[in-house]
Amino acid sequence: MRIALDAMGGDFAPEATVVGAVDALNEFGAHLKKLYLVGDEAVIKKELDRLSCRNPKVEIVHASEVVGMDESPVKAIRQKKNSSISISADLVKRGEADAIVSAGHTGAAVAAATIKWRLISGVERAGIASPLPNENGPCNIMDAGANVDAKPRHLLGYAIMGSVYAQHVQGKKNPVVGLMSVGEEDSKGNNFTREVFELIRATGLNFRGNIEGHDLFESKIDVVVCDGFVGNVVLKSCEATAKVMFKWLKQEINANPIRKMGAQLAKSAFLSVKERGNYETYGGSPLLGVNGVCIIAHGSSSNRAVKNAIRVALESVKHQVNPIIEAEMERYSNLFDVD
């Protein structure tokens, strides 16, 4: 498989991206035919030299521009044709790569994939499926920020695509789908969520109905459906809560020598809990609905997160979910005839 990595994308690029790429080669090299590192050639080469990497599977593709975090995504893709994310998407469009991975500007990655590859037949809006740790395995928030002004039929598409991904890539039999709302009763929510509820209920999906925030971690839910505005707020709130809880715990432990002694005894337990909720282990989130494989990694991705994002890309390419998504969208096409 051939992966194009946006080597200039992310808070710690290019160091973290290049190290992550080398780590991926060391761990998943048997599945990688080519790994394109897209970005400033001189900078990337310097990093590879520092790591003494001479792997023939690595190819640097020069990109003279980078999309800034404050730039308009669509405008940047149309005007910065030599940006690392644009050139990465072009490699897939020309058939030279099978997937792209980027920890850079999320909107730019979504725009590049949507504009250059187009959408799968039957899909109106692409969505990001972002995994959260759940007692029963990863729980995918769909959409986590690609489409903040969604319509009810868009969320119907998210439910279908998220279910396909959970089943065929994550190996979940008959995935459970839930709709994020303000109460579990069927009548709860606003006009928007109630309309979405009826649309999803009319499908053959394993629809649990409305769910609340606590279900994200406690209940057997595989796909959480919401618009990109809600999904992004939920995702970032969960990340921030986990981060601050460990910060407070560390402060309280260090405030007392007896607590510090006890913490040493429980250190392995603390580390295990931290690992269960660590986004680095999940790597990246697939952008579902586009005619290609695009994995969006966290903006503050470390080399470990980049390595695992490449792993997610390899898994997505291997399972070829796009034809299945297209078939499922056609199967439920009659339900999309709503405003």
Protein backbone atom coordinates (compact mmCIF):
# COMPACT_ATOMS: atom_id res chain seq x y z
CA MET A 1 0.00 0.00 0.00
CA ARG A 2 1.11 3.56 -0.71
CA ILE A 3 0.53 6.32 1.85
CA ALA A 4 1.04 10.07 1.38
CA LEU A 5 1.87 11.83 4.65
CA ASP A 6 1.44 15.58 4.97
CA ALA A 7 4.82 16.01 6.64
CA MET A 8 4.27 19.73 7.34
CA GLY A 9 0.90 19.30 9.07
CA GLY A 10 0.58 19.47 12.86
CA ASP A 11 1.86 21.44 15.83
CA PHE A 12 5.10 19.45 16.02
CA ALA A 13 5.79 18.98 12.32
CA PRO A 14 8.02 18.12 10.64
CA GLU A 15 9.95 16.42 13.46
CA ALA A 16 7.00 14.42 14.85
CA THR A 17 5.64 13.53 11.41
CA VAL A 18 8.97 12.31 10.04
CA VAL A 19 9.81 10.34 13.20
CA GLY A 20 6.31 8.85 13.14
CA ALA A 21 6.77 7.90 9.50
CA VAL A 22 10.05 6.13 10.26
CA ASP A 23 8.43 4.36 13.22
CA ALA A 24 5.60 3.23 10.94
CA LEU A 25 8.09 1.85 8.45
CA ASN A 26 9.79 -0.11 11.21
CA GLU A 27 6.51 -1.53 12.52
CA PHE A 28 4.27 -1.81 9.45
CA GLY A 29 6.91 -1.95 6.73
CA ALA A 30 5.64 -5.27 5.40
CA HIS A 31 2.37 -3.56 4.42
CA LEU A 32 3.93 -0.40 3.01
CA LYS A 33 5.01 -0.32 -0.61
CA LYS A 34 5.68 3.41 -0.64
CA LEU A 35 5.55 6.19 1.95
CA TYR A 36 5.51 9.66 0.44
CA LEU A 37 6.65 12.48 2.75
CA VAL A 38 5.10 15.62 1.32
CA GLY A 39 6.52 19.00 2.28
CA ASP A 40 9.67 21.10 2.26
CA GLU A 41 12.25 18.75 0.75
CA ALA A 42 15.27 20.26 2.48
CA VAL A 43 13.64 20.18 5.91
CA ILE A 44 12.35 16.61 5.51
CA LYS A 45 15.71 15.39 4.22
CA LYS A 46 17.42 16.94 7.23
CA GLU A 47 15.09 15.05 9.57
CA LEU A 48 15.64 11.77 7.72
CA ASP A 49 19.41 12.27 7.88
CA ARG A 50 19.17 12.94 11.59
CA LEU A 51 17.38 9.62 11.97
CA SER A 52 19.82 7.88 9.61
CA CYS A 53 16.86 6.69 7.53
CA ARG A 54 17.77 5.39 4.08
CA ASN A 55 14.71 3.26 3.49
CA PRO A 56 14.01 2.95 -0.27
CA LYS A 57 10.28 2.92 0.44
CA VAL A 58 10.48 6.59 1.49
CA GLU A 59 10.08 9.22 -1.21
CA ILE A 60 10.10 12.95 -0.57
CA VAL A 61 7.63 14.96 -2.63
CA HIS A 62 8.43 18.66 -2.46
CA ALA A 63 5.68 21.10 -1.51
CA SER A 64 6.59 24.77 -1.29
CA GLU A 65 3.50 25.90 0.65
CA VAL A 66 1.69 25.09 3.89
CA VAL A 67 -1.93 25.90 4.79
CA GLY A 68 -2.00 28.03 7.94
CA MET A 69 -4.48 27.27 10.71
CA ASP A 70 -6.12 30.69 10.28
CA GLU A 71 -6.71 30.33 6.54
CA SER A 72 -10.03 29.61 4.83
CA PRO A 73 -9.93 25.89 3.89
CA VAL A 74 -11.59 26.09 0.47
CA LYS A 75 -9.76 29.30 -0.48
CA ALA A 76 -6.43 27.80 0.57
CA ILE A 77 -6.97 24.64 -1.48
CA ARG A 78 -7.94 26.63 -4.56
CA GLN A 79 -5.12 29.17 -4.25
CA LYS A 80 -2.29 27.15 -2.65
CA LYS A 81 -1.99 24.38 -5.18
CA ASN A 82 1.56 23.65 -3.99
CA SER A 83 0.62 23.16 -0.35
CA SER A 84 1.56 19.87 1.30
CA ILE A 85 -2.07 18.82 1.80
CA SER A 86 -3.03 19.68 -1.81
CA ILE A 87 -0.12 17.75 -3.29
CA SER A 88 -0.85 14.80 -0.97
CA ALA A 89 -4.43 14.69 -2.27
CA ASP A 90 -3.18 14.99 -5.85
CA LEU A 91 -1.05 11.86 -5.38
CA VAL A 92 -4.21 9.88 -4.58
CA LYS A 93 -6.15 11.52 -7.40
CA ARG A 94 -3.47 10.44 -9.91
CA GLY A 95 -3.43 6.91 -8.52
CA GLU A 96 0.11 7.19 -7.15
CA ALA A 97 -1.00 6.83 -3.51
CA ASP A 98 -3.82 4.92 -1.82
CA ALA A 99 -4.43 7.26 1.14
CA ILE A 100 -3.38 10.50 2.77
CA VAL A 101 -2.64 11.22 6.43
CA SER A 102 -2.57 14.75 7.85
CA ALA A 103 -2.36 16.33 11.30
CA GLY A 104 -2.62 19.80 9.81
CA HIS A 105 -5.57 22.08 9.12
CA THR A 106 -8.64 19.79 9.40
CA GLY A 107 -10.79 22.00 7.19
CA ALA A 108 -8.10 22.05 4.51
CA ALA A 109 -7.84 18.24 4.55
CA VAL A 110 -11.63 17.95 4.23
CA ALA A 111 -11.70 20.53 1.43
CA ALA A 112 -8.79 18.91 -0.45
CA ALA A 113 -10.36 15.45 -0.33
CA THR A 114 -13.84 16.72 -1.22
CA ILE A 115 -12.80 19.04 -4.05
CA LYS A 116 -10.15 16.83 -5.62
CA TRP A 117 -11.70 13.39 -5.14
CA ARG A 118 -15.41 14.26 -4.98
CA LEU A 119 -17.94 12.43 -2.85
CA ILE A 120 -19.09 8.83 -3.04
CA SER A 121 -22.30 8.46 -5.03
CA GLY A 122 -25.26 9.10 -2.72
CA VAL A 123 -23.24 11.03 -0.12
CA GLU A 124 -24.04 14.72 0.28
CA ARG A 125 -21.58 15.60 3.03
CA ALA A 126 -18.45 13.83 4.23
CA GLY A 127 -18.02 13.29 7.96
CA ILE A 128 -15.18 12.59 10.36
CA ALA A 129 -15.51 9.43 12.48
CA SER A 130 -13.47 10.17 15.60
CA PRO A 131 -12.96 7.36 18.15
CA LEU A 132 -13.45 7.80 21.89
CA PRO A 133 -12.49 5.18 24.51
CA ASN A 134 -15.50 3.22 25.70
CA GLU A 135 -15.78 0.27 28.10
CA ASN A 136 -16.84 -1.83 25.10
CA GLY A 137 -14.22 -0.62 22.62
CA PRO A 138 -13.90 2.54 20.48
CA CYS A 139 -17.03 4.66 20.22
CA ASN A 140 -17.00 6.71 17.01
CA ILE A 141 -18.35 10.26 17.03
CA MET A 142 -19.75 10.96 13.59
CA ASP A 143 -19.36 13.84 12.63
CA ALA A 144 -16.48 15.33 14.62
CA GLY A 145 -16.17 18.60 12.71
CA ALA A 146 -16.30 18.27 8.92
CA ASN A 147 -19.83 19.67 8.56
CA VAL A 148 -20.99 22.13 11.23
CA ASP A 149 -24.15 23.21 9.36
CA ALA A 150 -25.70 19.82 8.77
CA LYS A 151 -29.19 18.86 7.68
CA PRO A 152 -31.12 15.84 8.99
CA ARG A 153 -30.39 13.78 5.87
CA HIS A 154 -26.66 14.41 6.37
CA LEU A 155 -26.85 12.78 9.80
CA LEU A 156 -28.71 9.85 8.25
CA GLY A 157 -25.71 9.45 5.97
CA TYR A 158 -23.36 9.62 8.97
CA ALA A 159 -25.27 6.83 10.69
CA ILE A 160 -24.96 4.62 7.60
CA MET A 161 -21.30 5.39 6.92
CA GLY A 162 -20.28 5.13 10.56
CA SER A 163 -21.98 1.76 10.87
CA VAL A 164 -20.16 0.46 7.76
CA TYR A 165 -16.81 1.63 9.13
CA ALA A 166 -17.40 0.13 12.58
CA GLN A 167 -18.39 -3.22 11.08
CA HIS A 168 -15.94 -3.65 8.25
CA VAL A 169 -12.82 -1.88 9.57
CA GLN A 170 -13.17 -2.18 13.34
CA GLY A 171 -14.73 -5.64 13.18
CA LYS A 172 -17.87 -4.87 15.20
CA LYS A 173 -20.76 -7.19 14.45
CA ASN A 174 -24.06 -5.35 14.00
CA PRO A 175 -22.78 -1.97 15.33
CA VAL A 176 -24.98 -0.06 17.74
CA VAL A 177 -25.92 3.44 16.58
CA GLY A 178 -27.03 6.21 18.93
CA LEU A 179 -28.22 9.77 18.32
CA MET A 180 -26.74 12.44 20.62
CA SER A 181 -29.55 14.31 22.34
CA VAL A 182 -30.58 15.84 25.67
CA GLY A 183 -32.48 12.79 26.91
CA GLU A 184 -32.97 9.12 26.12
CA GLU A 185 -36.73 9.25 25.54
CA ASP A 186 -37.85 9.21 21.90
CA SER A 187 -39.58 12.58 22.28
CA LYS A 188 -36.53 14.40 23.67
CA GLY A 189 -34.40 16.81 21.67
CA ASN A 190 -35.18 19.66 19.29
CA ASN A 191 -36.96 19.60 15.94
CA PHE A 192 -33.66 18.80 14.22
CA THR A 193 -32.79 15.73 16.31
CA ARG A 194 -36.37 14.46 16.29
CA GLU A 195 -36.37 14.50 12.50
CA VAL A 196 -33.02 12.70 12.43
CA PHE A 197 -34.41 10.16 14.90
CA GLU A 198 -37.26 9.22 12.58
CA LEU A 199 -34.95 8.92 9.58
CA ILE A 200 -32.51 6.58 11.30
CA ARG A 201 -35.32 4.54 12.86
CA ALA A 202 -36.64 3.84 9.35
CA THR A 203 -33.38 2.07 8.41
CA GLY A 204 -32.29 -1.46 9.15
CA LEU A 205 -29.45 -0.20 11.33
CA ASN A 206 -29.07 -1.36 14.92
CA PHE A 207 -30.45 1.94 16.25
CA ARG A 208 -30.61 2.32 20.01
CA GLY A 209 -32.27 5.73 19.84
CA ASN A 210 -31.31 8.87 21.72
CA ILE A 211 -28.25 8.81 23.94
CA GLU A 212 -26.70 11.26 26.40
CA GLY A 213 -23.16 12.24 27.28
CA HIS A 214 -22.56 9.46 29.80
CA ASP A 215 -23.34 6.83 27.16
CA LEU A 216 -20.16 7.80 25.30
CA PHE A 217 -18.10 5.94 27.90
CA GLU A 218 -20.47 3.59 29.75
CA SER A 219 -22.90 2.12 27.21
CA LYS A 220 -22.36 -0.24 24.29
CA ILE A 221 -22.45 2.36 21.54
CA ASP A 222 -20.33 2.02 18.42
CA VAL A 223 -21.48 5.06 16.42
CA VAL A 224 -22.65 8.37 17.92
CA VAL A 225 -24.47 10.50 15.37
CA CYS A 226 -24.45 14.29 15.62
CA ASP A 227 -23.65 17.34 13.50
CA GLY A 228 -20.06 18.53 13.24
CA PHE A 229 -20.61 21.45 15.61
CA VAL A 230 -21.87 19.27 18.46
CA GLY A 231 -19.39 16.49 17.70
CA ASN A 232 -16.37 18.77 17.76
CA VAL A 233 -17.44 20.42 21.01
CA VAL A 234 -18.05 17.03 22.63
CA LEU A 235 -14.73 15.63 21.44
CA LYS A 236 -12.65 18.60 22.61
CA SER A 237 -14.52 18.79 25.92
CA CYS A 238 -13.78 15.13 26.60
CA GLU A 239 -10.11 15.58 25.73
CA ALA A 240 -9.81 18.65 27.95
CA THR A 241 -11.58 16.94 30.86
CA ALA A 242 -9.25 13.96 30.74
CA LYS A 243 -6.21 16.22 30.58
CA VAL A 244 -7.21 18.42 33.49
CA MET A 245 -8.23 15.47 35.67
CA PHE A 246 -4.73 14.00 35.43
CA LYS A 247 -3.27 17.45 36.10
CA TRP A 248 -5.38 17.86 39.26
CA LEU A 249 -4.59 14.33 40.38
CA LYS A 250 -0.86 14.99 40.01
CA GLN A 251 -1.15 18.25 41.96
CA GLU A 252 -3.01 16.57 44.82
CA ILE A 253 -0.57 13.64 44.97
CA ASN A 254 2.47 15.94 45.05
CA ALA A 255 0.92 18.03 47.83
CA ASN A 256 1.45 15.27 50.42
CA PRO A 257 4.43 12.91 50.91
CA ILE A 258 2.21 10.05 52.06
CA ARG A 259 0.10 10.39 48.92
CA LYS A 260 3.28 10.34 46.84
CA MET A 261 4.31 7.06 48.45
CA GLY A 262 0.88 5.57 47.76
CA ALA A 263 0.97 6.85 44.18
CA GLN A 264 4.19 4.95 43.57
CA LEU A 265 2.42 1.74 44.53
CA ALA A 266 -0.46 2.55 42.17
CA LYS A 267 1.70 3.99 39.39
CA SER A 268 1.05 1.14 36.96
CA ALA A 269 -2.72 1.56 37.44
CA PHE A 270 -2.50 5.30 36.72
CA LEU A 271 -0.47 4.64 33.58
CA SER A 272 -2.94 1.99 32.40
CA VAL A 273 -5.88 4.36 32.80
CA LYS A 274 -4.00 7.11 30.99
CA GLU A 275 -3.20 4.73 28.15
CA ARG A 276 -6.85 3.68 27.73
CA GLY A 277 -7.83 7.28 27.07
CA ASN A 278 -4.75 8.32 25.11
CA TYR A 279 -5.67 9.61 21.63
CA GLU A 280 -2.20 8.65 20.43
CA THR A 281 -3.16 4.97 20.50
CA TYR A 282 -6.07 5.62 18.10
CA GLY A 283 -3.88 7.62 15.72
CA GLY A 284 -6.37 9.31 13.45
CA SER A 285 -9.94 9.65 12.30
CA PRO A 286 -11.20 8.66 8.84
CA LEU A 287 -13.02 11.17 6.68
CA LEU A 288 -15.90 9.04 5.44
CA GLY A 289 -17.85 9.80 2.29
CA VAL A 290 -15.05 10.87 -0.07
CA ASN A 291 -13.74 8.87 -3.03
CA GLY A 292 -10.49 7.96 -1.32
CA VAL A 293 -8.96 7.34 2.09
CA CYS A 294 -8.17 10.41 4.18
CA ILE A 295 -7.06 10.04 7.80
CA ILE A 296 -7.14 13.17 9.93
CA ALA A 297 -4.81 13.11 12.93
CA HIS A 298 -4.91 15.30 16.03
CA GLY A 299 -3.27 18.69 15.56
CA SER A 300 -0.89 18.06 18.46
CA SER A 301 0.04 14.60 17.23
CA SER A 302 3.29 13.14 18.54
CA ASN A 303 5.38 10.72 16.51
CA ARG A 304 3.44 7.86 18.14
CA ALA A 305 0.11 9.37 17.04
CA VAL A 306 1.43 9.85 13.50
CA LYS A 307 2.63 6.25 13.39
CA ASN A 308 -0.80 5.01 14.45
CA ALA A 309 -2.55 7.32 12.00
CA ILE A 310 -0.58 5.60 9.25
CA ARG A 311 -1.73 2.28 10.70
CA VAL A 312 -5.38 3.44 10.50
CA ALA A 313 -4.79 4.44 6.87
CA LEU A 314 -3.41 0.99 6.07
CA GLU A 315 -6.41 -0.67 7.74
CA SER A 316 -8.87 1.54 5.85
CA VAL A 317 -7.23 0.84 2.50
CA LYS A 318 -7.16 -2.88 3.24
CA HIS A 319 -10.88 -3.16 4.00
CA GLN A 320 -12.08 -1.04 1.03
CA VAL A 321 -15.22 0.35 2.70
CA ASN A 322 -16.09 2.92 0.03
CA PRO A 323 -17.88 0.49 -2.31
CA ILE A 324 -19.83 -0.81 0.69
CA ILE A 325 -20.78 2.73 1.71
CA GLU A 326 -21.97 3.43 -1.83
CA ALA A 327 -24.11 0.28 -1.84
CA GLU A 328 -25.64 1.12 1.55
CA MET A 329 -26.39 4.70 0.51
CA GLU A 330 -28.19 3.36 -2.55
CA ARG A 331 -30.09 0.88 -0.37
CA TYR A 332 -31.52 3.70 1.75
CA SER A 333 -31.77 6.29 -1.03
CA ASN A 334 -35.52 6.68 -0.63
CA LEU A 335 -35.03 8.04 2.90
CA PHE A 336 -32.94 10.97 1.66
CA ASP A 337 -35.83 12.63 -0.16
CA VAL A 338 -36.32 15.14 2.68
CA ASP A 339 -35.54 18.83 3.04
